[in-house]
Amino acid sequence: MSRIFFATLSFMSRLPVPQRWSQGLDIDQYVRGIVTFPVVGLLLGALSGLVYTILLPWCGIPLAACFAVLALALLTGGFHLDGLADTCDGVFSARRREKMLEIMRDSRLGTHGGLALIFVLLGKVLAVNELAVRDTPMLAALACACIAGRGCVVLMMYRHRYAREEGLGNLFIGKVTLRQTVITLALTAVLVATLLGAHGLRALIIAIIGVFILGQLLKRTLGGQTGDTMGASIELGELIFLLALI
């Protein structure tokens, strides 16, 4: 299981994971790493929260919030943000399904993708700022937001089909079992409850509902999910969780 965790961490972040820690795994074994998604979120969120905590005495709440959100984007290499932008460019193009998927493959940033990035990043910064003003423990809040975003993404995989012929998302979409889904969501709930208690669990339930609805809407629009839509759900799951905490 440790090799699967480090392989998943390397896949979902830009943290320097030694290659030998994940050697020997076949590509089709990566799906087993879904149960470690919440733990990866815990690590990334804790690092983002640490950035906030360190900078807070030096630059105040607004800038510390901004740098915490920036740190999270850098830790993931903008991987999920890219998926969010591509998804919005495709879905809001109001074209046929095939054309939407083609637009989502285009590496260029469109108007809808740019607007999505602005609103999601700005929303995160403002949410973190508001939570800090309300004396919320920010290290725990940022950690739980990342746990929730990566735990809820399992809902975009279970009983969904892959909308393309090939791609990274095909490692997970439609291949996650009910048992893996339940374990992932249960671990997500345990971690959030441990860090934020009942208030965190309420926010997690709202995030789960939001991601589930998003998955159904995208399924109807695109005929399935892609790696881009999974990235979008992680980003939106984090934002929904933070807003629900407020």
Protein backbone atom coordinates (compact mmCIF):
# COMPACT_ATOMS: atom_id res chain seq x y z
CA MET A 1 0.00 0.00 0.00
CA SER A 2 2.88 2.40 0.67
CA ARG A 3 4.07 2.09 -2.94
CA ILE A 4 0.55 2.86 -4.16
CA PHE A 5 0.39 5.93 -1.91
CA PHE A 6 3.69 7.32 -3.17
CA ALA A 7 2.71 6.57 -6.77
CA THR A 8 -0.55 8.45 -6.23
CA LEU A 9 1.25 11.33 -4.53
CA SER A 10 3.65 11.60 -7.45
CA PHE A 11 0.73 11.47 -9.90
CA MET A 12 -1.33 14.16 -8.14
CA SER A 13 1.37 16.60 -7.03
CA ARG A 14 4.75 18.09 -7.84
CA LEU A 15 6.32 16.94 -4.59
CA PRO A 16 9.70 15.27 -5.19
CA VAL A 17 8.86 11.59 -4.61
CA PRO A 18 11.84 9.28 -5.19
CA GLN A 19 11.06 6.93 -8.07
CA ARG A 20 12.22 3.87 -6.13
CA TRP A 21 9.38 4.41 -3.62
CA SER A 22 6.80 3.57 -6.26
CA GLN A 23 8.71 1.16 -8.46
CA GLY A 24 7.13 -2.12 -9.52
CA LEU A 25 3.57 -0.86 -10.02
CA ASP A 26 1.80 -1.54 -13.28
CA ILE A 27 -0.24 1.31 -14.71
CA ASP A 28 -3.50 -0.59 -14.17
CA GLN A 29 -2.75 -0.84 -10.43
CA TYR A 30 -3.10 2.90 -9.99
CA VAL A 31 -6.85 2.55 -9.51
CA ARG A 32 -6.16 0.97 -6.11
CA GLY A 33 -4.65 4.30 -5.09
CA ILE A 34 -8.08 5.94 -4.98
CA VAL A 35 -8.38 5.07 -1.29
CA THR A 36 -5.24 7.14 -0.62
CA PHE A 37 -6.63 10.29 -2.27
CA PRO A 38 -7.85 11.77 1.06
CA VAL A 39 -4.40 11.20 2.62
CA VAL A 40 -2.74 12.95 -0.34
CA GLY A 41 -5.20 15.80 0.23
CA LEU A 42 -4.29 15.90 3.92
CA LEU A 43 -0.61 16.29 3.08
CA LEU A 44 -1.11 18.97 0.42
CA GLY A 45 -3.62 20.89 2.52
CA ALA A 46 -1.37 20.77 5.57
CA LEU A 47 1.50 22.24 3.54
CA SER A 48 -0.79 25.00 2.28
CA GLY A 49 -1.96 25.66 5.84
CA LEU A 50 1.65 25.76 6.99
CA VAL A 51 2.39 28.48 4.44
CA TYR A 52 -0.57 30.46 5.80
CA THR A 53 0.54 30.00 9.40
CA ILE A 54 4.13 31.06 8.71
CA LEU A 55 3.21 34.15 6.69
CA LEU A 56 0.32 35.36 8.84
CA PRO A 57 2.45 37.29 11.40
CA TRP A 58 4.42 38.95 8.59
CA CYS A 59 1.81 40.05 6.08
CA GLY A 60 -1.65 39.74 7.65
CA ILE A 61 -4.68 37.62 6.80
CA PRO A 62 -5.47 38.68 3.18
CA LEU A 63 -1.95 38.13 1.81
CA ALA A 64 -1.42 34.99 3.87
CA ALA A 65 -4.67 33.62 2.39
CA CYS A 66 -3.52 34.53 -1.11
CA PHE A 67 -0.15 32.82 -0.68
CA ALA A 68 -1.76 29.71 0.86
CA VAL A 69 -3.98 29.30 -2.21
CA LEU A 70 -1.00 29.99 -4.47
CA ALA A 71 1.07 27.39 -2.62
CA LEU A 72 -1.62 24.77 -3.19
CA ALA A 73 -1.70 25.57 -6.90
CA LEU A 74 2.09 25.24 -7.10
CA LEU A 75 2.10 21.99 -5.12
CA THR A 76 -0.21 20.44 -7.72
CA GLY A 77 1.48 22.12 -10.68
CA GLY A 78 -1.85 23.67 -11.61
CA PHE A 79 -2.90 20.15 -12.68
CA HIS A 80 -6.48 20.40 -11.41
CA LEU A 81 -6.85 24.06 -12.33
CA ASP A 82 -5.96 23.16 -15.90
CA GLY A 83 -8.73 20.56 -15.85
CA LEU A 84 -11.18 23.15 -14.52
CA ALA A 85 -10.30 25.62 -17.27
CA ASP A 86 -10.50 23.00 -20.03
CA THR A 87 -13.82 21.70 -18.74
CA CYS A 88 -15.39 25.16 -18.66
CA ASP A 89 -14.03 26.02 -22.11
CA GLY A 90 -15.62 22.88 -23.52
CA VAL A 91 -18.92 22.75 -21.64
CA PHE A 92 -19.75 26.45 -21.99
CA SER A 93 -18.93 26.49 -25.69
CA ALA A 94 -22.52 25.29 -26.30
CA ARG A 95 -21.34 22.98 -29.10
CA ARG A 96 -22.05 19.34 -29.82
CA ARG A 97 -20.55 16.74 -27.47
CA GLU A 98 -17.74 15.79 -29.86
CA LYS A 99 -16.79 19.44 -30.35
CA MET A 100 -16.82 20.04 -26.58
CA LEU A 101 -14.37 17.19 -26.03
CA GLU A 102 -12.20 18.51 -28.85
CA ILE A 103 -12.13 21.98 -27.28
CA MET A 104 -11.19 20.43 -23.93
CA ARG A 105 -8.14 18.86 -25.56
CA ASP A 106 -6.96 22.27 -26.81
CA SER A 107 -4.12 23.51 -24.61
CA ARG A 108 -5.02 27.15 -25.25
CA LEU A 109 -6.96 29.00 -22.55
CA GLY A 110 -10.36 30.32 -23.62
CA THR A 111 -12.60 33.00 -22.15
CA HIS A 112 -14.74 30.62 -20.12
CA GLY A 113 -11.70 28.80 -18.75
CA GLY A 114 -10.07 32.08 -17.78
CA LEU A 115 -13.21 33.27 -16.00
CA ALA A 116 -13.47 29.95 -14.16
CA LEU A 117 -9.88 30.23 -12.91
CA ILE A 118 -10.42 33.82 -11.75
CA PHE A 119 -13.62 33.08 -9.86
CA VAL A 120 -12.44 29.83 -8.26
CA LEU A 121 -9.08 31.19 -7.12
CA LEU A 122 -10.62 34.45 -5.95
CA GLY A 123 -13.37 32.51 -4.21
CA LYS A 124 -10.83 30.40 -2.35
CA VAL A 125 -8.82 33.43 -1.23
CA LEU A 126 -11.95 35.25 -0.01
CA ALA A 127 -13.26 32.12 1.73
CA VAL A 128 -9.94 31.53 3.52
CA ASN A 129 -9.86 35.21 4.51
CA GLU A 130 -13.42 35.07 5.88
CA LEU A 131 -12.78 31.85 7.81
CA ALA A 132 -9.64 33.36 9.33
CA VAL A 133 -11.57 36.45 10.44
CA ARG A 134 -14.01 34.11 12.19
CA ASP A 135 -11.13 32.49 14.11
CA THR A 136 -11.39 29.18 12.29
CA PRO A 137 -8.28 26.98 12.77
CA MET A 138 -6.85 27.56 9.30
CA LEU A 139 -4.35 24.71 9.23
CA ALA A 140 -7.21 22.28 9.83
CA ALA A 141 -9.59 24.09 7.46
CA LEU A 142 -7.16 24.07 4.53
CA ALA A 143 -6.21 20.45 5.19
CA CYS A 144 -9.87 19.42 5.29
CA ALA A 145 -10.70 21.35 2.10
CA CYS A 146 -8.04 19.38 0.24
CA ILE A 147 -9.17 16.12 1.86
CA ALA A 148 -12.76 16.82 0.81
CA GLY A 149 -11.85 17.79 -2.75
CA ARG A 150 -9.81 14.64 -3.35
CA GLY A 151 -12.11 12.33 -1.44
CA CYS A 152 -15.28 13.47 -3.20
CA VAL A 153 -13.74 12.99 -6.66
CA VAL A 154 -14.40 9.25 -6.28
CA LEU A 155 -18.03 10.13 -7.08
CA MET A 156 -16.86 11.19 -10.55
CA MET A 157 -15.43 7.71 -11.11
CA TYR A 158 -17.85 5.18 -9.62
CA ARG A 159 -20.52 4.08 -12.12
CA HIS A 160 -19.37 6.62 -14.69
CA ARG A 161 -17.91 5.93 -18.12
CA TYR A 162 -14.86 7.48 -19.75
CA ALA A 163 -15.93 10.01 -22.39
CA ARG A 164 -12.83 9.56 -24.56
CA GLU A 165 -11.00 6.68 -26.16
CA GLU A 166 -7.80 7.23 -24.15
CA GLY A 167 -6.26 9.51 -21.52
CA LEU A 168 -5.10 9.67 -17.89
CA GLY A 169 -8.63 9.70 -16.53
CA ASN A 170 -9.15 6.25 -17.99
CA LEU A 171 -7.02 4.87 -15.14
CA PHE A 172 -9.87 5.52 -12.69
CA ILE A 173 -13.19 6.37 -14.36
CA GLY A 174 -15.54 3.40 -14.43
CA LYS A 175 -12.96 1.16 -12.75
CA VAL A 176 -13.53 2.08 -9.11
CA THR A 177 -15.55 -0.48 -7.14
CA LEU A 178 -18.31 0.19 -4.61
CA ARG A 179 -15.99 -1.02 -1.83
CA GLN A 180 -13.26 1.42 -2.86
CA THR A 181 -15.81 4.23 -3.07
CA VAL A 182 -17.16 3.55 0.42
CA ILE A 183 -13.66 3.26 1.92
CA THR A 184 -12.55 6.51 0.27
CA LEU A 185 -15.58 8.48 1.47
CA ALA A 186 -15.38 6.92 4.95
CA LEU A 187 -11.70 7.83 5.30
CA THR A 188 -12.50 11.33 4.08
CA ALA A 189 -15.21 11.68 6.73
CA VAL A 190 -12.98 10.33 9.52
CA LEU A 191 -10.15 12.75 8.69
CA VAL A 192 -12.49 15.75 8.42
CA ALA A 193 -14.32 14.85 11.65
CA THR A 194 -11.02 14.43 13.48
CA LEU A 195 -9.78 17.86 12.40
CA LEU A 196 -12.98 19.96 12.38
CA GLY A 197 -15.64 17.92 14.15
CA ALA A 198 -19.36 18.10 13.32
CA HIS A 199 -18.99 21.48 11.58
CA GLY A 200 -16.52 19.94 9.17
CA LEU A 201 -18.77 16.94 8.54
CA ARG A 202 -21.68 19.22 7.62
CA ALA A 203 -19.46 21.04 5.13
CA LEU A 204 -18.27 17.69 3.74
CA ILE A 205 -21.85 16.52 3.18
CA ILE A 206 -22.55 19.70 1.20
CA ALA A 207 -19.38 19.15 -0.84
CA ILE A 208 -20.37 15.53 -1.55
CA ILE A 209 -23.80 16.64 -2.76
CA GLY A 210 -22.26 19.37 -4.91
CA VAL A 211 -19.74 17.03 -6.56
CA PHE A 212 -22.39 14.37 -7.12
CA ILE A 213 -24.66 16.87 -8.89
CA LEU A 214 -21.70 18.14 -10.93
CA GLY A 215 -20.92 14.58 -12.01
CA GLN A 216 -24.48 13.97 -13.16
CA LEU A 217 -24.62 17.24 -15.10
CA LEU A 218 -21.31 16.52 -16.84
CA LYS A 219 -22.39 12.96 -17.56
CA ARG A 220 -25.48 14.28 -19.30
CA THR A 221 -23.51 16.93 -21.23
CA LEU A 222 -20.38 14.98 -22.21
CA GLY A 223 -21.64 11.42 -22.05
CA GLY A 224 -19.13 10.59 -19.32
CA GLN A 225 -16.13 11.95 -17.43
CA THR A 226 -12.55 12.81 -18.36
CA GLY A 227 -9.37 13.66 -16.50
CA ASP A 228 -10.30 17.32 -16.96
CA THR A 229 -13.69 16.94 -15.31
CA MET A 230 -12.06 15.13 -12.38
CA GLY A 231 -9.66 18.05 -11.95
CA ALA A 232 -12.58 20.45 -12.11
CA SER A 233 -14.44 18.50 -9.42
CA ILE A 234 -11.42 18.61 -7.09
CA GLU A 235 -11.13 22.39 -7.42
CA LEU A 236 -14.87 22.96 -7.04
CA GLY A 237 -15.07 20.45 -4.19
CA GLU A 238 -12.44 22.41 -2.27
CA LEU A 239 -14.26 25.69 -2.89
CA ILE A 240 -17.68 24.29 -1.95
CA PHE A 241 -16.24 22.88 1.28
CA LEU A 242 -14.65 26.21 2.25
CA LEU A 243 -17.84 28.12 1.48
CA ALA A 244 -19.89 25.58 3.43
CA LEU A 245 -17.64 26.11 6.46
CA ILE A 246 -18.56 29.78 6.40
